[in-house]
C-alpha atoms as a PDB file:
ATOM      1  CA  MET A   1     -64.177   7.432  39.714  1.00  0.00           C
ATOM      2  CA  LYS A   2     -65.362   4.096  38.408  1.00  0.00           C
ATOM      3  CA  THR A   3     -68.640   2.488  39.335  1.00  0.00           C
ATOM      4  CA  PHE A   4     -69.201  -1.137  38.395  1.00  0.00           C
ATOM      5  CA  MET A   5     -72.676  -2.593  38.168  1.00  0.00           C
ATOM      6  CA  LYS A   6     -73.182  -6.298  37.634  1.00  0.00           C
ATOM      7  CA  ILE A   7     -76.507  -7.309  36.179  1.00  0.00           C
ATOM      8  CA  GLY A   8     -78.138 -10.622  35.205  1.00  0.00           C
ATOM      9  CA  ALA A   9     -78.108 -11.215  31.450  1.00  0.00           C
ATOM     10  CA  LEU A  10     -81.889 -11.130  31.102  1.00  0.00           C
ATOM     11  CA  SER A  11     -82.683  -8.102  33.234  1.00  0.00           C
ATOM     12  CA  LEU A  12     -81.091  -4.839  34.179  1.00  0.00           C
ATOM     13  CA  ALA A  13     -81.912  -2.939  37.329  1.00  0.00           C
ATOM     14  CA  LEU A  14     -81.997   0.806  37.030  1.00  0.00           C
ATOM     15  CA  VAL A  15     -79.305   2.617  38.899  1.00  0.00           C
ATOM     16  CA  ALA A  16     -79.723   6.338  38.548  1.00  0.00           C
ATOM     17  CA  SER A  17     -77.516   9.054  39.958  1.00  0.00           C
ATOM     18  CA  LEU A  18     -79.395  12.282  40.571  1.00  0.00           C
ATOM     19  CA  LEU A  19     -77.872  15.422  39.173  1.00  0.00           C
ATOM     20  CA  MET A  20     -77.119  18.144  41.681  1.00  0.00           C
ATOM     21  CA  LEU A  21     -76.040  21.608  40.558  1.00  0.00           C
ATOM     22  CA  SER A  22     -75.642  24.463  43.031  1.00  0.00           C
ATOM     23  CA  ASN A  23     -75.820  28.124  42.033  1.00  0.00           C
ATOM     24  CA  THR A  24     -74.482  30.619  44.533  1.00  0.00           C
ATOM     25  CA  THR A  25     -74.746  34.366  44.091  1.00  0.00           C
ATOM     26  CA  LYS A  26     -72.937  37.033  46.068  1.00  0.00           C
ATOM     27  CA  ALA A  27     -73.754  40.701  45.760  1.00  0.00           C
ATOM     28  CA  ASP A  28     -71.596  43.662  46.738  1.00  0.00           C
ATOM     29  CA  VAL A  29     -72.024  47.355  46.030  1.00  0.00           C
ATOM     30  CA  GLY A  30     -72.484  47.544  42.261  1.00  0.00           C
ATOM     31  CA  VAL A  31     -70.946  44.070  41.799  1.00  0.00           C
ATOM     32  CA  LEU A  32     -72.657  40.752  41.116  1.00  0.00           C
ATOM     33  CA  GLN A  33     -70.640  37.567  41.208  1.00  0.00           C
ATOM     34  CA  LEU A  34     -72.050  34.244  40.003  1.00  0.00           C
ATOM     35  CA  LYS A  35     -70.328  31.019  40.980  1.00  0.00           C
ATOM     36  CA  ILE A  36     -71.406  27.619  39.694  1.00  0.00           C
ATOM     37  CA  ASN A  37     -70.014  25.021  42.074  1.00  0.00           C
ATOM     38  CA  THR A  38     -68.613  21.823  40.642  1.00  0.00           C
ATOM     39  CA  GLY A  39     -71.515  19.441  40.472  1.00  0.00           C
ATOM     40  CA  THR A  40     -71.510  15.693  40.247  1.00  0.00           C
ATOM     41  CA  ASN A  41     -71.386  13.856  36.954  1.00  0.00           C
ATOM     42  CA  SER A  42     -74.038  11.199  36.522  1.00  0.00           C
ATOM     43  CA  CYS A  43     -75.138   8.453  34.157  1.00  0.00           C
ATOM     44  CA  THR A  44     -78.481   6.701  33.737  1.00  0.00           C
ATOM     45  CA  PHE A  45     -79.169   3.547  31.793  1.00  0.00           C
ATOM     46  CA  GLY A  46     -81.885   1.098  30.774  1.00  0.00           C
ATOM     47  CA  THR A  47     -84.052  -0.701  33.300  1.00  0.00           C
ATOM     48  CA  SER A  48     -84.630  -4.102  31.687  1.00  0.00           C
ATOM     49  CA  LEU A  49     -83.622  -6.256  28.769  1.00  0.00           C
ATOM     50  CA  ASP A  50     -85.865  -8.864  27.162  1.00  0.00           C
ATOM     51  CA  LEU A  51     -84.337 -11.294  24.680  1.00  0.00           C
ATOM     52  CA  TRP A  52     -87.170 -13.045  22.869  1.00  0.00           C
ATOM     53  CA  SER A  53     -87.325 -16.827  23.101  1.00  0.00           C
ATOM     54  CA  GLN A  54     -87.698 -19.337  20.273  1.00  0.00           C
ATOM     55  CA  SER A  55     -88.219 -23.018  19.633  1.00  0.00           C
ATOM     56  CA  LEU A  56     -85.312 -25.418  19.863  1.00  0.00           C
ATOM     57  CA  ASN A  57     -83.644 -26.176  16.538  1.00  0.00           C
ATOM     58  CA  LEU A  58     -80.590 -28.431  16.727  1.00  0.00           C
ATOM     59  CA  SER A  59     -79.703 -28.075  13.056  1.00  0.00           C
ATOM     60  CA  SER A  60     -78.877 -24.367  13.126  1.00  0.00           C
ATOM     61  CA  ALA A  61     -77.669 -21.622  15.407  1.00  0.00           C
ATOM     62  CA  LEU A  62     -80.293 -19.725  17.378  1.00  0.00           C
ATOM     63  CA  THR A  63     -80.285 -15.939  17.595  1.00  0.00           C
ATOM     64  CA  PHE A  64     -81.744 -14.066  20.539  1.00  0.00           C
ATOM     65  CA  SER A  65     -81.977 -10.282  20.418  1.00  0.00           C
ATOM     66  CA  GLY A  66     -83.680  -7.466  22.244  1.00  0.00           C
ATOM     67  CA  TYR A  67     -83.517  -3.829  23.286  1.00  0.00           C
ATOM     68  CA  PHE A  68     -83.196  -2.245  26.696  1.00  0.00           C
ATOM     69  CA  THR A  69     -86.716  -1.270  27.706  1.00  0.00           C
ATOM     70  CA  GLY A  70     -88.612   0.080  30.676  1.00  0.00           C
ATOM     71  CA  THR A  71     -88.798   3.562  32.094  1.00  0.00           C
ATOM     72  CA  GLN A  72     -85.302   4.457  30.850  1.00  0.00           C
ATOM     73  CA  THR A  73     -84.574   3.316  27.292  1.00  0.00           C
ATOM     74  CA  THR A  74     -82.029   6.012  26.495  1.00  0.00           C
ATOM     75  CA  PHE A  75     -78.631   5.799  28.155  1.00  0.00           C
ATOM     76  CA  SER A  76     -77.107   9.161  29.064  1.00  0.00           C
ATOM     77  CA  CYS A  77     -74.220  10.687  30.973  1.00  0.00           C
ATOM     78  CA  THR A  78     -74.080  14.261  32.218  1.00  0.00           C
ATOM     79  CA  SER A  79     -70.773  16.047  32.619  1.00  0.00           C
ATOM     80  CA  ASN A  80     -71.635  18.698  35.179  1.00  0.00           C
ATOM     81  CA  ASN A  81     -68.087  19.834  35.923  1.00  0.00           C
ATOM     82  CA  GLY A  82     -66.763  19.735  32.362  1.00  0.00           C
ATOM     83  CA  ASN A  83     -64.705  16.563  32.740  1.00  0.00           C
ATOM     84  CA  ASN A  84     -64.915  13.620  30.348  1.00  0.00           C
ATOM     85  CA  VAL A  85     -67.490  10.894  31.034  1.00  0.00           C
ATOM     86  CA  SER A  86     -68.134   7.526  29.407  1.00  0.00           C
ATOM     87  CA  LEU A  87     -70.337   4.448  29.736  1.00  0.00           C
ATOM     88  CA  THR A  88     -69.291   0.949  28.603  1.00  0.00           C
ATOM     89  CA  LEU A  89     -70.899  -2.510  28.509  1.00  0.00           C
ATOM     90  CA  GLN A  90     -69.190  -5.913  28.747  1.00  0.00           C
ATOM     91  CA  SER A  91     -70.487  -9.499  28.878  1.00  0.00           C
ATOM     92  CA  ALA A  92     -69.138 -12.578  30.618  1.00  0.00           C
ATOM     93  CA  ASN A  93     -69.648 -16.103  29.253  1.00  0.00           C
ATOM     94  CA  LEU A  94     -73.180 -17.468  29.658  1.00  0.00           C
ATOM     95  CA  THR A  95     -73.473 -20.842  31.425  1.00  0.00           C
ATOM     96  CA  ASN A  96     -76.246 -23.313  32.229  1.00  0.00           C
ATOM     97  CA  ALA A  97     -76.739 -25.663  35.209  1.00  0.00           C
ATOM     98  CA  THR A  98     -74.535 -28.364  33.612  1.00  0.00           C
ATOM     99  CA  SER A  99     -71.682 -25.881  32.941  1.00  0.00           C
ATOM    100  CA  GLN A 100     -72.288 -25.682  29.182  1.00  0.00           C
ATOM    101  CA  THR A 101     -71.296 -22.244  27.896  1.00  0.00           C
ATOM    102  CA  ILE A 102     -72.095 -19.659  25.298  1.00  0.00           C
ATOM    103  CA  SER A 103     -68.947 -17.610  24.754  1.00  0.00           C
ATOM    104  CA  SER A 104     -69.039 -13.927  25.618  1.00  0.00           C
ATOM    105  CA  GLY A 105     -67.761 -13.391  22.068  1.00  0.00           C
ATOM    106  CA  SER A 106     -71.207 -14.534  20.883  1.00  0.00           C
ATOM    107  CA  VAL A 107     -72.838 -11.608  22.713  1.00  0.00           C
ATOM    108  CA  THR A 108     -72.905  -8.435  20.620  1.00  0.00           C
ATOM    109  CA  MET A 109     -74.131  -4.874  21.078  1.00  0.00           C
ATOM    110  CA  GLN A 110     -75.279  -2.154  18.738  1.00  0.00           C
ATOM    111  CA  THR A 111     -76.527   1.343  19.537  1.00  0.00           C
ATOM    112  CA  THR A 112     -77.398   4.642  17.908  1.00  0.00           C
ATOM    113  CA  ALA A 113     -74.777   7.313  17.361  1.00  0.00           C
ATOM    114  CA  ASN A 114     -74.034   9.480  20.388  1.00  0.00           C
ATOM    115  CA  GLN A 115     -75.852  12.764  20.517  1.00  0.00           C
ATOM    116  CA  VAL A 116     -75.628  15.823  22.730  1.00  0.00           C
ATOM    117  CA  THR A 117     -79.044  16.297  24.347  1.00  0.00           C
ATOM    118  CA  ALA A 118     -78.165  19.246  26.611  1.00  0.00           C
ATOM    119  CA  GLY A 119     -75.351  21.777  26.571  1.00  0.00           C
ATOM    120  CA  ALA A 120     -72.541  21.690  24.007  1.00  0.00           C
ATOM    121  CA  CYS A 121     -69.586  19.309  23.784  1.00  0.00           C
ATOM    122  CA  PHE A 122     -67.881  16.716  21.593  1.00  0.00           C
ATOM    123  CA  THR A 123     -68.984  13.093  21.761  1.00  0.00           C
ATOM    124  CA  GLY A 124     -66.835  10.015  21.458  1.00  0.00           C
ATOM    125  CA  ALA A 125     -67.560   7.052  19.252  1.00  0.00           C
ATOM    126  CA  GLY A 126     -70.302   4.737  20.444  1.00  0.00           C
ATOM    127  CA  THR A 127     -70.686   1.139  19.263  1.00  0.00           C
ATOM    128  CA  VAL A 128     -72.963   1.812  16.288  1.00  0.00           C
ATOM    129  CA  SER A 129     -72.145  -1.365  14.378  1.00  0.00           C
ATOM    130  CA  ARG A 130     -72.687  -4.863  15.775  1.00  0.00           C
ATOM    131  CA  THR A 131     -69.664  -5.586  17.998  1.00  0.00           C
ATOM    132  CA  PRO A 132     -68.853  -8.437  20.423  1.00  0.00           C
ATOM    133  CA  ILE A 133     -68.846  -7.283  24.045  1.00  0.00           C
ATOM    134  CA  SER A 134     -66.445  -9.885  25.407  1.00  0.00           C
ATOM    135  CA  GLY A 135     -64.330  -6.787  26.039  1.00  0.00           C
ATOM    136  CA  ALA A 136     -65.794  -3.482  27.225  1.00  0.00           C
ATOM    137  CA  GLN A 137     -67.452  -1.531  24.396  1.00  0.00           C
ATOM    138  CA  THR A 138     -68.311   2.151  24.619  1.00  0.00           C
ATOM    139  CA  ILE A 139     -71.991   3.022  24.618  1.00  0.00           C
ATOM    140  CA  LEU A 140     -71.425   6.767  24.872  1.00  0.00           C
ATOM    141  CA  SER A 141     -68.783   9.291  25.856  1.00  0.00           C
ATOM    142  CA  LYS A 142     -67.921  12.967  26.111  1.00  0.00           C
ATOM    143  CA  ILE A 143     -64.289  13.612  25.166  1.00  0.00           C
ATOM    144  CA  ASN A 144     -61.544  16.151  24.548  1.00  0.00           C
ATOM    145  CA  ASN A 145     -63.295  19.326  25.624  1.00  0.00           C
ATOM    146  CA  PRO A 146     -62.518  20.177  29.240  1.00  0.00           C
ATOM    147  CA  GLY A 147     -64.848  22.672  30.827  1.00  0.00           C
ATOM    148  CA  GLN A 148     -67.789  21.949  28.515  1.00  0.00           C
ATOM    149  CA  VAL A 149     -70.920  20.989  30.462  1.00  0.00           C
ATOM    150  CA  CYS A 150     -73.304  18.702  28.574  1.00  0.00           C
ATOM    151  CA  THR A 151     -75.382  15.531  28.488  1.00  0.00           C
ATOM    152  CA  VAL A 152     -74.473  12.833  25.946  1.00  0.00           C
ATOM    153  CA  SER A 153     -77.092  10.191  25.097  1.00  0.00           C
ATOM    154  CA  ALA A 154     -77.560   7.010  23.055  1.00  0.00           C
ATOM    155  CA  SER A 155     -80.713   5.005  22.469  1.00  0.00           C
ATOM    156  CA  GLY A 156     -81.760   1.874  20.623  1.00  0.00           C
ATOM    157  CA  ILE A 157     -79.214  -0.219  22.524  1.00  0.00           C
ATOM    158  CA  GLN A 158     -79.641  -3.764  21.250  1.00  0.00           C
ATOM    159  CA  LEU A 159     -78.047  -6.980  22.496  1.00  0.00           C
ATOM    160  CA  LYS A 160     -77.854 -10.115  20.377  1.00  0.00           C
ATOM    161  CA  VAL A 161     -76.737 -13.600  21.466  1.00  0.00           C
ATOM    162  CA  VAL A 162     -75.980 -16.200  18.785  1.00  0.00           C
ATOM    163  CA  THR A 163     -75.704 -19.814  19.962  1.00  0.00           C
ATOM    164  CA  ALA A 164     -73.744 -22.604  18.316  1.00  0.00           C
ATOM    165  CA  THR A 165     -75.498 -25.222  16.199  1.00  0.00           C
ATOM    166  CA  ALA A 166     -76.825 -27.953  18.550  1.00  0.00           C
ATOM    167  CA  GLN A 167     -76.241 -25.785  21.643  1.00  0.00           C
ATOM    168  CA  ALA A 168     -76.934 -27.770  24.833  1.00  0.00           C
ATOM    169  CA  VAL A 169     -80.370 -27.060  26.308  1.00  0.00           C
ATOM    170  CA  GLY A 170     -80.780 -25.221  29.589  1.00  0.00           C
ATOM    171  CA  LEU A 171     -81.296 -21.810  31.112  1.00  0.00           C
ATOM    172  CA  TYR A 172     -78.154 -19.789  30.452  1.00  0.00           C
ATOM    173  CA  THR A 173     -77.217 -16.950  32.753  1.00  0.00           C
ATOM    174  CA  GLY A 174     -74.349 -14.518  32.747  1.00  0.00           C
ATOM    175  CA  THR A 175     -73.287 -11.070  33.816  1.00  0.00           C
ATOM    176  CA  LEU A 176     -73.362  -7.737  32.029  1.00  0.00           C
ATOM    177  CA  THR A 177     -71.030  -5.146  33.506  1.00  0.00           C
ATOM    178  CA  VAL A 178     -71.936  -1.511  32.990  1.00  0.00           C
ATOM    179  CA  THR A 179     -69.036   0.794  33.816  1.00  0.00           C
ATOM    180  CA  GLN A 180     -69.347   4.530  34.114  1.00  0.00           C
ATOM    181  CA  VAL A 181     -66.110   6.480  34.182  1.00  0.00           C
ATOM    182  CA  LEU A 182     -66.516   9.963  35.568  1.00  0.00           C
ATOM    183  CA  ASN A 183     -64.015  12.727  36.292  1.00  0.00           C
ATOM    184  CA  ASN A 184     -61.213  11.246  34.212  1.00  0.00           C
END
C-alpha cells in the first residue's frame, strides 16, 4: 500500500498513523493458545521544516539548510506484521511568482543511519550522505527479514537548497513528497 503526502517546501504537516496491535487468548482444558493478529504497519515523520533565510548576494550561490523540527523530529516506521516497510522523500522544482526555478537537483537530503528502536530486524540503507532528492531517496527501511516485527527510525534529517549565482529574487515554493511503502 502506498500513501503519498504532498507538503509545501517550507513546512511539513504531521501525518501519523496510530499503531494497533490486538492480542487474543483462548483457553481450553490444560491448553493456552496465544494469537497475535496481523496489525497495521505505520510511519510517522517530522512536523515542520525551517530553512534559515539570508541576505541577497548576487555574486555567489546562496545555501539554505534546516532540519525537520517540531513534536516529531525522528522519522520511524513500524512493521507490525513482519512485512518490509520504507519511507522516501522527493522534491519537485521550486518556482517563484514569475516562473523562475530552482531545480529539484539543487535540493539535497542527509540523515542519520537507520536504527532499530524496537524489536529486532535488518534495516536498509538510508540517505546518510548528502544526496539530491530530485528522485525519491530512502530515509529509512526494514528489509529482507519477513516475519520480524520492529520499528526502524532515523533522525537528524536535514534538507539543503543551493541556488544559482544571481538567482532571481522571489518567494520560491515547491512540493516535497513523502512516500511510505507498507506491506510490500
